[in-house]
Each structure stands twice: as structure tokens, then as C-alpha cells.
Amino acid sequence: MNIALRRPFTVEEYLAWAATQRDLPRMELINGQIVAMTPERVEHIEIKVAAVLALKRAISRAGVPCHALGDGMTVRIDDHTAYEPDALVYCGERLKRGAMLARDPVIIVEVLSPTTSHTDTSAKLIGYFKLPSVQHYLIIDPDTCAVEQHSRAADGTVSGHAVTSGTIRLDPPGLSVDVSEFFE
């Protein structure tokens, strides 16, 4: 029996293809394969929105030239992998209209769900920190109301810890967010 295997998509091919599609579910490109994301629980969506709003408020308070975006932007990990985080922060000039790729994200946020928890805490944790620009990766757990904060130190090492209350410091770029803001 012969099986025709499709050549893996590159990120550029994936984005070009995605730009021509209509009414697609959210997707990511993993090792060259397009993977549809499952529908989300209401608490997942509420926390994603709260995270973006909390990050926008923190950016405003800090007065830094950064921008917070909700899901929908693609983050290129390598030639054949691109994730779509639940929220992110990038600094510098605003992305141009029509952009589908967030270049140089500084903060990445993923909200855990039953179907993504293993990937969010393993492959995505490794993948996001392959990007030199990523300084912080926040994994928000709606069930425990905790935030796992992974940060890159000046020497390049990455460490993480769980936070259930108080303020999370995201420096660089100089933001402070109270954990409760993610669960409003």
C-alpha cells in the first residue's frame, strides 16, 4: 500500500495558506503540520480577555512602548512550527495592518485547558524560550487560579514558580500585574 505524505509546511507557506481561508477554527503549525485547536471553555475565554486587559493596564501604568494582543497572532518558533498564544506583549513600533506574525514577543501567555495542558507546560515552554526576545512565559491555570511564571535570567537560564496571589513582576519590559487581575 502506498501512502502519499505531504511535505511539511513552512511557517511562510502556512501563513500564506491561512490568509486565503475563511471560517477556520484556530490553528497552529506544529512540525510542519496544521493542527486545529479545540473549542474553548468559557473560563478559558474569560481569562484570556482578562489577561490582555491586565497587560494593557500594566503597559499604560509603566509608560513603556509595548503592546498587548489577544489570541490570533502567530509566533514563529522555527521554520516548521508556529504557535498562537492566548495573549502576548511585544515592544517597539506597532505591527503593520494586515500582520499575522508577532515578531519579537517579550511576554507570552497561555491559559491551560484539559486538551492543551501537557503541550503548554512542555513543548510550548521549550519552544517559546528558543526565541531570544521572550523574557516571560505565563501559564494561567483557571482551575487553581494560579499563574506559573517562567522567566529568563540575565545569564539566559529559565526558571519558573507558581504564584497564587500578589504581584507578578515582568521586567523587562518593566510591568507589574496583580495575579487577581487575570481572574477578574
N, C-alpha and C. Protein backbone atom coordinates (compact mmCIF):
# COMPACT_ATOMS: atom_id res chain seq x y z
N MET A 1 0.85 -1.18 0.00
CA MET A 1 0.00 0.00 0.00
C MET A 1 0.89 1.23 0.00
N ASN A 2 0.59 2.18 -0.86
CA ASN A 2 1.33 3.43 -0.93
C ASN A 2 0.55 4.52 -0.23
N ILE A 3 1.26 5.31 0.56
CA ILE A 3 0.64 6.44 1.25
C ILE A 3 1.37 7.68 0.80
N ALA A 4 0.62 8.65 0.31
CA ALA A 4 1.22 9.92 -0.12
C ALA A 4 1.38 10.81 1.10
N LEU A 5 2.59 11.17 1.41
CA LEU A 5 2.84 12.06 2.54
C LEU A 5 3.05 13.47 2.03
N ARG A 6 2.39 14.41 2.64
CA ARG A 6 2.53 15.81 2.28
C ARG A 6 3.81 16.35 2.88
N ARG A 7 4.53 17.10 2.09
CA ARG A 7 5.73 17.79 2.57
C ARG A 7 5.31 18.74 3.69
N PRO A 8 6.11 18.82 4.75
CA PRO A 8 5.75 19.73 5.84
C PRO A 8 5.67 21.18 5.37
N PHE A 9 4.67 21.89 5.87
CA PHE A 9 4.54 23.32 5.60
C PHE A 9 5.64 24.08 6.31
N THR A 10 6.11 25.14 5.69
CA THR A 10 6.95 26.10 6.40
C THR A 10 5.99 27.12 7.02
N VAL A 11 6.50 27.92 7.93
CA VAL A 11 5.66 28.95 8.55
C VAL A 11 5.16 29.92 7.48
N GLU A 12 6.00 30.28 6.54
CA GLU A 12 5.59 31.22 5.48
C GLU A 12 4.47 30.62 4.63
N GLU A 13 4.59 29.33 4.26
CA GLU A 13 3.55 28.66 3.48
C GLU A 13 2.24 28.57 4.27
N TYR A 14 2.37 28.27 5.54
CA TYR A 14 1.20 28.18 6.42
C TYR A 14 0.47 29.51 6.50
N LEU A 15 1.21 30.60 6.72
CA LEU A 15 0.58 31.92 6.81
C LEU A 15 -0.06 32.33 5.49
N ALA A 16 0.60 32.03 4.38
CA ALA A 16 0.02 32.35 3.06
C ALA A 16 -1.26 31.56 2.84
N TRP A 17 -1.26 30.29 3.21
CA TRP A 17 -2.45 29.46 3.09
C TRP A 17 -3.56 29.98 4.00
N ALA A 18 -3.22 30.27 5.26
CA ALA A 18 -4.22 30.74 6.23
C ALA A 18 -4.87 32.04 5.78
N ALA A 19 -4.11 32.90 5.13
CA ALA A 19 -4.65 34.19 4.67
C ALA A 19 -5.73 34.02 3.60
N THR A 20 -5.78 32.87 2.94
CA THR A 20 -6.77 32.64 1.88
C THR A 20 -7.99 31.86 2.37
N GLN A 21 -7.98 31.45 3.63
CA GLN A 21 -9.06 30.60 4.16
C GLN A 21 -10.13 31.45 4.85
N ARG A 22 -11.32 30.89 4.90
CA ARG A 22 -12.43 31.55 5.61
C ARG A 22 -13.03 30.57 6.62
N ASP A 23 -13.51 31.12 7.71
CA ASP A 23 -14.24 30.35 8.72
C ASP A 23 -13.50 29.12 9.21
N LEU A 24 -12.23 29.28 9.50
CA LEU A 24 -11.44 28.18 10.03
C LEU A 24 -11.43 28.23 11.55
N PRO A 25 -11.30 27.08 12.20
CA PRO A 25 -11.06 27.12 13.64
C PRO A 25 -9.66 27.66 13.88
N ARG A 26 -9.36 28.01 15.13
CA ARG A 26 -7.99 28.42 15.44
C ARG A 26 -7.07 27.25 15.15
N MET A 27 -5.89 27.56 14.63
CA MET A 27 -4.93 26.51 14.29
C MET A 27 -3.53 26.94 14.66
N GLU A 28 -2.66 25.93 14.72
CA GLU A 28 -1.24 26.16 14.90
C GLU A 28 -0.50 25.26 13.92
N LEU A 29 0.74 25.59 13.66
CA LEU A 29 1.59 24.77 12.81
C LEU A 29 2.60 24.09 13.72
N ILE A 30 2.55 22.78 13.76
CA ILE A 30 3.44 22.02 14.64
C ILE A 30 4.22 21.02 13.80
N ASN A 31 5.53 21.23 13.76
CA ASN A 31 6.41 20.37 12.96
C ASN A 31 5.93 20.24 11.52
N GLY A 32 5.45 21.35 10.96
CA GLY A 32 5.05 21.37 9.56
C GLY A 32 3.63 20.92 9.29
N GLN A 33 2.91 20.50 10.33
CA GLN A 33 1.54 20.02 10.16
C GLN A 33 0.55 21.01 10.77
N ILE A 34 -0.54 21.26 10.06
CA ILE A 34 -1.58 22.16 10.57
C ILE A 34 -2.43 21.38 11.57
N VAL A 35 -2.55 21.94 12.76
CA VAL A 35 -3.29 21.29 13.83
C VAL A 35 -4.40 22.23 14.30
N ALA A 36 -5.65 21.75 14.20
CA ALA A 36 -6.79 22.56 14.66
C ALA A 36 -6.83 22.54 16.18
N MET A 37 -7.23 23.66 16.75
CA MET A 37 -7.36 23.76 18.19
C MET A 37 -8.82 23.51 18.56
N THR A 38 -9.03 22.89 19.71
CA THR A 38 -10.38 22.53 20.12
C THR A 38 -11.14 23.76 20.62
N PRO A 39 -12.47 23.70 20.61
CA PRO A 39 -13.26 24.80 21.19
C PRO A 39 -12.88 25.00 22.66
N GLU A 40 -13.07 26.22 23.14
CA GLU A 40 -12.64 26.58 24.48
C GLU A 40 -13.79 26.67 25.46
N ARG A 41 -13.48 26.39 26.73
CA ARG A 41 -14.45 26.56 27.82
C ARG A 41 -14.59 28.05 28.12
N VAL A 42 -15.71 28.44 28.67
CA VAL A 42 -15.98 29.85 28.94
C VAL A 42 -14.93 30.45 29.87
N GLU A 43 -14.49 29.71 30.88
CA GLU A 43 -13.49 30.25 31.80
C GLU A 43 -12.16 30.52 31.09
N HIS A 44 -11.85 29.71 30.09
CA HIS A 44 -10.64 29.91 29.30
C HIS A 44 -10.72 31.26 28.57
N ILE A 45 -11.84 31.49 27.93
CA ILE A 45 -12.03 32.73 27.17
C ILE A 45 -12.03 33.94 28.10
N GLU A 46 -12.72 33.83 29.24
CA GLU A 46 -12.76 34.95 30.19
C GLU A 46 -11.36 35.31 30.70
N ILE A 47 -10.55 34.30 30.98
CA ILE A 47 -9.20 34.56 31.49
C ILE A 47 -8.31 35.13 30.39
N LYS A 48 -8.47 34.67 29.15
CA LYS A 48 -7.70 35.25 28.04
C LYS A 48 -7.97 36.75 27.93
N VAL A 49 -9.25 37.11 27.97
CA VAL A 49 -9.62 38.53 27.86
C VAL A 49 -9.08 39.30 29.05
N ALA A 50 -9.22 38.74 30.26
CA ALA A 50 -8.70 39.42 31.46
C ALA A 50 -7.19 39.60 31.37
N ALA A 51 -6.48 38.61 30.83
CA ALA A 51 -5.03 38.70 30.71
C ALA A 51 -4.63 39.85 29.78
N VAL A 52 -5.28 39.95 28.65
CA VAL A 52 -4.96 41.03 27.71
C VAL A 52 -5.24 42.38 28.36
N LEU A 53 -6.38 42.51 29.01
CA LEU A 53 -6.72 43.78 29.66
C LEU A 53 -5.73 44.11 30.78
N ALA A 54 -5.35 43.12 31.58
CA ALA A 54 -4.38 43.33 32.66
C ALA A 54 -3.04 43.78 32.10
N LEU A 55 -2.61 43.16 31.02
CA LEU A 55 -1.33 43.53 30.41
C LEU A 55 -1.40 44.93 29.80
N LYS A 56 -2.52 45.27 29.18
CA LYS A 56 -2.68 46.62 28.63
C LYS A 56 -2.63 47.67 29.75
N ARG A 57 -3.30 47.40 30.87
CA ARG A 57 -3.27 48.34 32.01
C ARG A 57 -1.85 48.47 32.56
N ALA A 58 -1.14 47.34 32.66
CA ALA A 58 0.24 47.36 33.18
C ALA A 58 1.15 48.16 32.26
N ILE A 59 0.97 48.00 30.96
CA ILE A 59 1.76 48.77 29.98
C ILE A 59 1.48 50.26 30.15
N SER A 60 0.22 50.62 30.31
CA SER A 60 -0.16 52.02 30.49
C SER A 60 0.45 52.59 31.78
N ARG A 61 0.35 51.82 32.87
CA ARG A 61 0.91 52.28 34.15
C ARG A 61 2.43 52.47 34.05
N ALA A 62 3.10 51.56 33.36
CA ALA A 62 4.56 51.62 33.26
C ALA A 62 5.04 52.66 32.25
N GLY A 63 4.16 53.03 31.32
CA GLY A 63 4.54 54.01 30.31
C GLY A 63 5.62 53.51 29.37
N VAL A 64 5.61 52.21 29.09
CA VAL A 64 6.62 51.63 28.19
C VAL A 64 6.03 51.49 26.79
N PRO A 65 6.87 51.54 25.76
CA PRO A 65 6.38 51.46 24.38
C PRO A 65 6.12 50.02 23.95
N CYS A 66 5.16 49.38 24.61
CA CYS A 66 4.83 47.98 24.33
C CYS A 66 3.35 47.88 24.00
N HIS A 67 2.96 46.71 23.48
CA HIS A 67 1.59 46.49 23.03
C HIS A 67 1.17 45.08 23.43
N ALA A 68 -0.06 44.94 23.92
CA ALA A 68 -0.61 43.63 24.29
C ALA A 68 -1.64 43.23 23.25
N LEU A 69 -1.59 41.96 22.87
CA LEU A 69 -2.53 41.41 21.90
C LEU A 69 -3.15 40.13 22.44
N GLY A 70 -4.40 39.89 22.06
CA GLY A 70 -5.05 38.64 22.39
C GLY A 70 -4.75 37.59 21.36
N ASP A 71 -5.39 36.44 21.48
CA ASP A 71 -5.10 35.35 20.55
C ASP A 71 -5.41 35.76 19.12
N GLY A 72 -4.77 35.08 18.20
CA GLY A 72 -4.95 35.38 16.79
C GLY A 72 -3.63 35.68 16.11
N MET A 73 -2.64 36.14 16.86
CA MET A 73 -1.32 36.41 16.28
C MET A 73 -0.49 35.14 16.32
N THR A 74 0.29 34.96 15.28
CA THR A 74 1.16 33.80 15.18
C THR A 74 2.55 34.16 15.69
N VAL A 75 3.15 33.23 16.43
CA VAL A 75 4.53 33.38 16.90
C VAL A 75 5.34 32.26 16.27
N ARG A 76 6.30 32.64 15.46
CA ARG A 76 7.16 31.68 14.76
C ARG A 76 8.21 31.15 15.74
N ILE A 77 8.26 29.82 15.87
CA ILE A 77 9.24 29.18 16.73
C ILE A 77 10.46 28.75 15.92
N ASP A 78 10.20 28.13 14.78
CA ASP A 78 11.27 27.73 13.86
C ASP A 78 10.66 27.64 12.46
N ASP A 79 11.36 27.07 11.51
CA ASP A 79 10.88 27.04 10.13
C ASP A 79 9.56 26.29 9.96
N HIS A 80 9.25 25.34 10.84
CA HIS A 80 8.07 24.50 10.66
C HIS A 80 7.12 24.51 11.86
N THR A 81 7.31 25.41 12.80
CA THR A 81 6.44 25.47 13.98
C THR A 81 6.07 26.91 14.27
N ALA A 82 4.77 27.15 14.44
CA ALA A 82 4.26 28.48 14.79
C ALA A 82 3.07 28.29 15.72
N TYR A 83 3.14 28.91 16.87
CA TYR A 83 2.07 28.81 17.85
C TYR A 83 1.22 30.07 17.83
N GLU A 84 0.02 29.95 18.38
CA GLU A 84 -0.89 31.08 18.53
C GLU A 84 -1.23 31.20 20.00
N PRO A 85 -0.44 31.98 20.76
CA PRO A 85 -0.67 32.08 22.21
C PRO A 85 -1.99 32.80 22.52
N ASP A 86 -2.42 32.64 23.76
CA ASP A 86 -3.66 33.27 24.19
C ASP A 86 -3.50 34.78 24.35
N ALA A 87 -2.30 35.23 24.65
CA ALA A 87 -2.00 36.66 24.75
C ALA A 87 -0.50 36.83 24.62
N LEU A 88 -0.09 38.03 24.25
CA LEU A 88 1.34 38.30 24.17
C LEU A 88 1.58 39.80 24.29
N VAL A 89 2.82 40.14 24.60
CA VAL A 89 3.26 41.53 24.63
C VAL A 89 4.50 41.62 23.77
N TYR A 90 4.53 42.63 22.91
CA TYR A 90 5.74 42.95 22.15
C TYR A 90 6.00 44.43 22.35
N CYS A 91 7.24 44.86 22.15
CA CYS A 91 7.60 46.26 22.36
C CYS A 91 8.13 46.87 21.07
N GLY A 92 8.07 48.18 21.03
CA GLY A 92 8.54 48.90 19.84
C GLY A 92 7.37 49.38 19.01
N GLU A 93 7.64 49.56 17.73
CA GLU A 93 6.59 50.05 16.82
C GLU A 93 5.43 49.07 16.74
N ARG A 94 4.23 49.63 16.55
CA ARG A 94 3.05 48.78 16.34
C ARG A 94 3.23 47.95 15.09
N LEU A 95 2.66 46.76 15.11
CA LEU A 95 2.67 45.92 13.91
C LEU A 95 1.89 46.62 12.81
N LYS A 96 2.28 46.39 11.59
CA LYS A 96 1.58 46.98 10.45
C LYS A 96 0.23 46.30 10.25
N ARG A 97 -0.72 47.05 9.71
CA ARG A 97 -2.03 46.49 9.39
C ARG A 97 -1.84 45.26 8.51
N GLY A 98 -2.61 44.24 8.77
CA GLY A 98 -2.54 43.02 7.98
C GLY A 98 -1.50 42.03 8.48
N ALA A 99 -0.70 42.40 9.48
CA ALA A 99 0.32 41.48 10.01
C ALA A 99 -0.35 40.26 10.63
N MET A 100 0.24 39.12 10.43
CA MET A 100 -0.26 37.87 11.03
C MET A 100 0.78 37.26 11.96
N LEU A 101 1.99 37.81 11.94
CA LEU A 101 3.11 37.26 12.69
C LEU A 101 3.59 38.30 13.69
N ALA A 102 3.64 37.91 14.96
CA ALA A 102 4.16 38.80 16.00
C ALA A 102 5.65 38.56 16.11
N ARG A 103 6.42 39.54 15.75
CA ARG A 103 7.88 39.42 15.82
C ARG A 103 8.38 39.88 17.19
N ASP A 104 9.31 39.18 17.73
CA ASP A 104 9.98 39.54 18.97
C ASP A 104 9.05 39.74 20.17
N PRO A 105 8.17 38.78 20.45
CA PRO A 105 7.34 38.91 21.66
C PRO A 105 8.23 38.86 22.90
N VAL A 106 7.85 39.62 23.92
CA VAL A 106 8.60 39.68 25.16
C VAL A 106 7.91 38.83 26.23
N ILE A 107 6.58 38.86 26.22
CA ILE A 107 5.77 38.11 27.18
C ILE A 107 4.79 37.26 26.40
N ILE A 108 4.69 35.99 26.76
CA ILE A 108 3.73 35.07 26.15
C ILE A 108 2.83 34.54 27.26
N VAL A 109 1.53 34.42 26.96
CA VAL A 109 0.57 33.90 27.93
C VAL A 109 -0.21 32.76 27.29
N GLU A 110 -0.31 31.66 28.01
CA GLU A 110 -1.19 30.55 27.63
C GLU A 110 -2.09 30.24 28.82
N VAL A 111 -3.36 29.97 28.54
CA VAL A 111 -4.33 29.57 29.56
C VAL A 111 -4.52 28.06 29.41
N LEU A 112 -4.34 27.34 30.51
CA LEU A 112 -4.46 25.89 30.46
C LEU A 112 -5.89 25.45 30.19
N SER A 113 -6.02 24.37 29.46
CA SER A 113 -7.30 23.70 29.27
C SER A 113 -7.01 22.21 29.32
N PRO A 114 -8.04 21.38 29.49
CA PRO A 114 -7.79 19.94 29.58
C PRO A 114 -7.05 19.38 28.37
N THR A 115 -7.27 19.93 27.19
CA THR A 115 -6.65 19.38 25.99
C THR A 115 -5.27 19.96 25.70
N THR A 116 -4.91 21.09 26.32
CA THR A 116 -3.63 21.73 25.99
C THR A 116 -2.62 21.72 27.11
N SER A 117 -2.99 21.28 28.29
CA SER A 117 -2.13 21.45 29.44
C SER A 117 -0.76 20.81 29.26
N HIS A 118 -0.69 19.61 28.72
CA HIS A 118 0.62 18.97 28.55
C HIS A 118 1.49 19.75 27.55
N THR A 119 0.93 20.14 26.43
CA THR A 119 1.68 20.89 25.42
C THR A 119 2.12 22.25 25.95
N ASP A 120 1.22 22.95 26.66
CA ASP A 120 1.54 24.28 27.18
C ASP A 120 2.69 24.24 28.18
N THR A 121 2.78 23.15 28.96
CA THR A 121 3.79 23.07 30.01
C THR A 121 5.06 22.34 29.57
N SER A 122 5.08 21.86 28.34
CA SER A 122 6.28 21.15 27.87
C SER A 122 6.77 21.73 26.54
N ALA A 123 6.20 21.31 25.42
CA ALA A 123 6.69 21.74 24.10
C ALA A 123 6.65 23.25 23.93
N LYS A 124 5.57 23.89 24.37
CA LYS A 124 5.48 25.35 24.20
C LYS A 124 6.46 26.07 25.13
N LEU A 125 6.63 25.57 26.33
CA LEU A 125 7.60 26.17 27.25
C LEU A 125 8.99 26.15 26.62
N ILE A 126 9.38 25.02 26.08
CA ILE A 126 10.68 24.90 25.41
C ILE A 126 10.72 25.78 24.16
N GLY A 127 9.67 25.70 23.35
CA GLY A 127 9.63 26.43 22.09
C GLY A 127 9.69 27.94 22.27
N TYR A 128 8.88 28.47 23.17
CA TYR A 128 8.86 29.92 23.34
C TYR A 128 10.23 30.45 23.78
N PHE A 129 10.91 29.71 24.66
CA PHE A 129 12.20 30.20 25.13
C PHE A 129 13.33 29.94 24.14
N LYS A 130 13.03 29.32 23.00
CA LYS A 130 14.01 29.28 21.90
C LYS A 130 14.15 30.66 21.28
N LEU A 131 13.13 31.49 21.47
CA LEU A 131 13.13 32.84 20.90
C LEU A 131 13.89 33.78 21.85
N PRO A 132 14.95 34.42 21.38
CA PRO A 132 15.74 35.29 22.25
C PRO A 132 14.94 36.44 22.86
N SER A 133 13.88 36.88 22.18
CA SER A 133 13.11 38.02 22.68
C SER A 133 12.23 37.66 23.88
N VAL A 134 11.84 36.40 24.01
CA VAL A 134 10.91 36.01 25.08
C VAL A 134 11.61 36.07 26.43
N GLN A 135 11.06 36.89 27.31
CA GLN A 135 11.59 37.04 28.67
C GLN A 135 10.71 36.36 29.71
N HIS A 136 9.41 36.25 29.40
CA HIS A 136 8.46 35.70 30.37
C HIS A 136 7.42 34.86 29.65
N TYR A 137 7.11 33.73 30.25
CA TYR A 137 6.04 32.86 29.76
C TYR A 137 5.14 32.59 30.95
N LEU A 138 3.90 33.06 30.86
CA LEU A 138 2.92 32.88 31.93
C LEU A 138 1.93 31.81 31.52
N ILE A 139 1.79 30.80 32.37
CA ILE A 139 0.82 29.72 32.15
C ILE A 139 -0.24 29.88 33.23
N ILE A 140 -1.45 30.22 32.81
CA ILE A 140 -2.53 30.51 33.75
C ILE A 140 -3.42 29.29 33.87
N ASP A 141 -3.65 28.85 35.11
CA ASP A 141 -4.49 27.68 35.38
C ASP A 141 -5.84 28.15 35.93
N PRO A 142 -6.91 28.06 35.13
CA PRO A 142 -8.22 28.52 35.60
C PRO A 142 -8.78 27.69 36.73
N ASP A 143 -8.35 26.44 36.86
CA ASP A 143 -8.90 25.56 37.89
C ASP A 143 -8.32 25.85 39.27
N THR A 144 -7.05 26.23 39.34
CA THR A 144 -6.41 26.51 40.63
C THR A 144 -6.22 27.99 40.88
N CYS A 145 -6.58 28.83 39.91
CA CYS A 145 -6.37 30.28 40.00
C CYS A 145 -4.90 30.60 40.32
N ALA A 146 -4.01 29.90 39.63
CA ALA A 146 -2.58 30.11 39.81
C ALA A 146 -1.95 30.49 38.47
N VAL A 147 -0.84 31.19 38.55
CA VAL A 147 -0.05 31.56 37.38
C VAL A 147 1.34 30.98 37.56
N GLU A 148 1.76 30.16 36.62
CA GLU A 148 3.13 29.66 36.61
C GLU A 148 3.93 30.66 35.79
N GLN A 149 4.87 31.34 36.46
CA GLN A 149 5.68 32.36 35.79
C GLN A 149 7.06 31.78 35.50
N HIS A 150 7.39 31.70 34.22
CA HIS A 150 8.72 31.28 33.79
C HIS A 150 9.41 32.52 33.24
N SER A 151 10.63 32.78 33.70
CA SER A 151 11.35 33.98 33.28
C SER A 151 12.79 33.63 32.92
N ARG A 152 13.33 34.39 31.97
CA ARG A 152 14.71 34.24 31.55
C ARG A 152 15.58 35.19 32.38
N ALA A 153 16.63 34.66 32.99
CA ALA A 153 17.57 35.48 33.77
C ALA A 153 18.59 36.12 32.82
N ALA A 154 19.36 37.04 33.33
CA ALA A 154 20.37 37.74 32.53
C ALA A 154 21.37 36.77 31.91
N ASP A 155 21.65 35.64 32.59
CA ASP A 155 22.59 34.66 32.05
C ASP A 155 21.94 33.68 31.07
N GLY A 156 20.64 33.89 30.78
CA GLY A 156 19.94 33.06 29.81
C GLY A 156 19.21 31.87 30.39
N THR A 157 19.43 31.57 31.65
CA THR A 157 18.73 30.44 32.27
C THR A 157 17.26 30.80 32.48
N VAL A 158 16.43 29.78 32.45
CA VAL A 158 14.99 29.97 32.64
C VAL A 158 14.58 29.25 33.92
N SER A 159 13.81 29.95 34.73
CA SER A 159 13.29 29.34 35.95
C SER A 159 11.81 29.68 36.08
N GLY A 160 11.10 28.86 36.82
CA GLY A 160 9.67 29.09 36.98
C GLY A 160 9.21 28.85 38.39
N HIS A 161 8.10 29.48 38.72
CA HIS A 161 7.47 29.27 40.02
C HIS A 161 5.99 29.62 39.91
N ALA A 162 5.19 29.02 40.77
CA ALA A 162 3.75 29.27 40.78
C ALA A 162 3.43 30.44 41.70
N VAL A 163 2.49 31.26 41.25
CA VAL A 163 2.05 32.42 42.02
C VAL A 163 0.53 32.35 42.12
N THR A 164 0.01 32.46 43.34
CA THR A 164 -1.44 32.43 43.53
C THR A 164 -2.00 33.76 44.02
N SER A 165 -1.11 34.65 44.49
CA SER A 165 -1.56 35.97 44.94
C SER A 165 -0.39 36.93 44.88
N GLY A 166 -0.72 38.20 44.97
CA GLY A 166 0.32 39.22 44.95
C GLY A 166 0.63 39.69 43.54
N THR A 167 1.77 40.34 43.42
CA THR A 167 2.16 40.98 42.16
C THR A 167 3.20 40.16 41.43
N ILE A 168 3.00 40.04 40.13
CA ILE A 168 3.98 39.42 39.25
C ILE A 168 4.75 40.54 38.58
N ARG A 169 6.06 40.49 38.71
CA ARG A 169 6.93 41.49 38.09
C ARG A 169 7.45 40.93 36.77
N LEU A 170 7.24 41.66 35.68
CA LEU A 170 7.66 41.26 34.34
C LEU A 170 8.66 42.29 33.84
N ASP A 171 9.92 42.05 34.21
CA ASP A 171 10.97 43.01 33.89
C ASP A 171 12.15 42.28 33.28
N PRO A 172 12.55 42.60 32.03
CA PRO A 172 11.92 43.57 31.17
C PRO A 172 10.55 43.09 30.69
N PRO A 173 9.71 44.01 30.31
CA PRO A 173 9.86 45.42 29.99
C PRO A 173 9.53 46.38 31.12
N GLY A 174 9.31 45.89 32.34
CA GLY A 174 9.03 46.80 33.45
C GLY A 174 7.57 46.84 33.85
N LEU A 175 6.86 45.71 33.71
CA LEU A 175 5.44 45.66 34.05
C LEU A 175 5.22 44.97 35.39
N SER A 176 4.15 45.36 36.06
CA SER A 176 3.69 44.69 37.27
C SER A 176 2.21 44.41 37.11
N VAL A 177 1.83 43.15 37.40
CA VAL A 177 0.43 42.74 37.28
C VAL A 177 0.05 41.98 38.53
N ASP A 178 -1.06 42.35 39.17
CA ASP A 178 -1.54 41.58 40.30
C ASP A 178 -2.22 40.31 39.78
N VAL A 179 -1.93 39.18 40.39
CA VAL A 179 -2.47 37.89 39.94
C VAL A 179 -3.99 37.94 39.84
N SER A 180 -4.64 38.64 40.75
CA SER A 180 -6.10 38.70 40.75
C SER A 180 -6.66 39.28 39.46
N GLU A 181 -5.87 40.13 38.77
CA GLU A 181 -6.34 40.73 37.51
C GLU A 181 -6.58 39.69 36.42
N PHE A 182 -5.88 38.56 36.48
CA PHE A 182 -6.06 37.51 35.48
C PHE A 182 -7.36 36.74 35.68
N PHE A 183 -7.95 36.87 36.86
CA PHE A 183 -9.13 36.07 37.18
C PHE A 183 -10.37 36.92 37.41
N GLU A 184 -10.34 38.19 36.94
CA GLU A 184 -11.50 39.09 37.11
C GLU A 184 -12.64 38.66 36.22
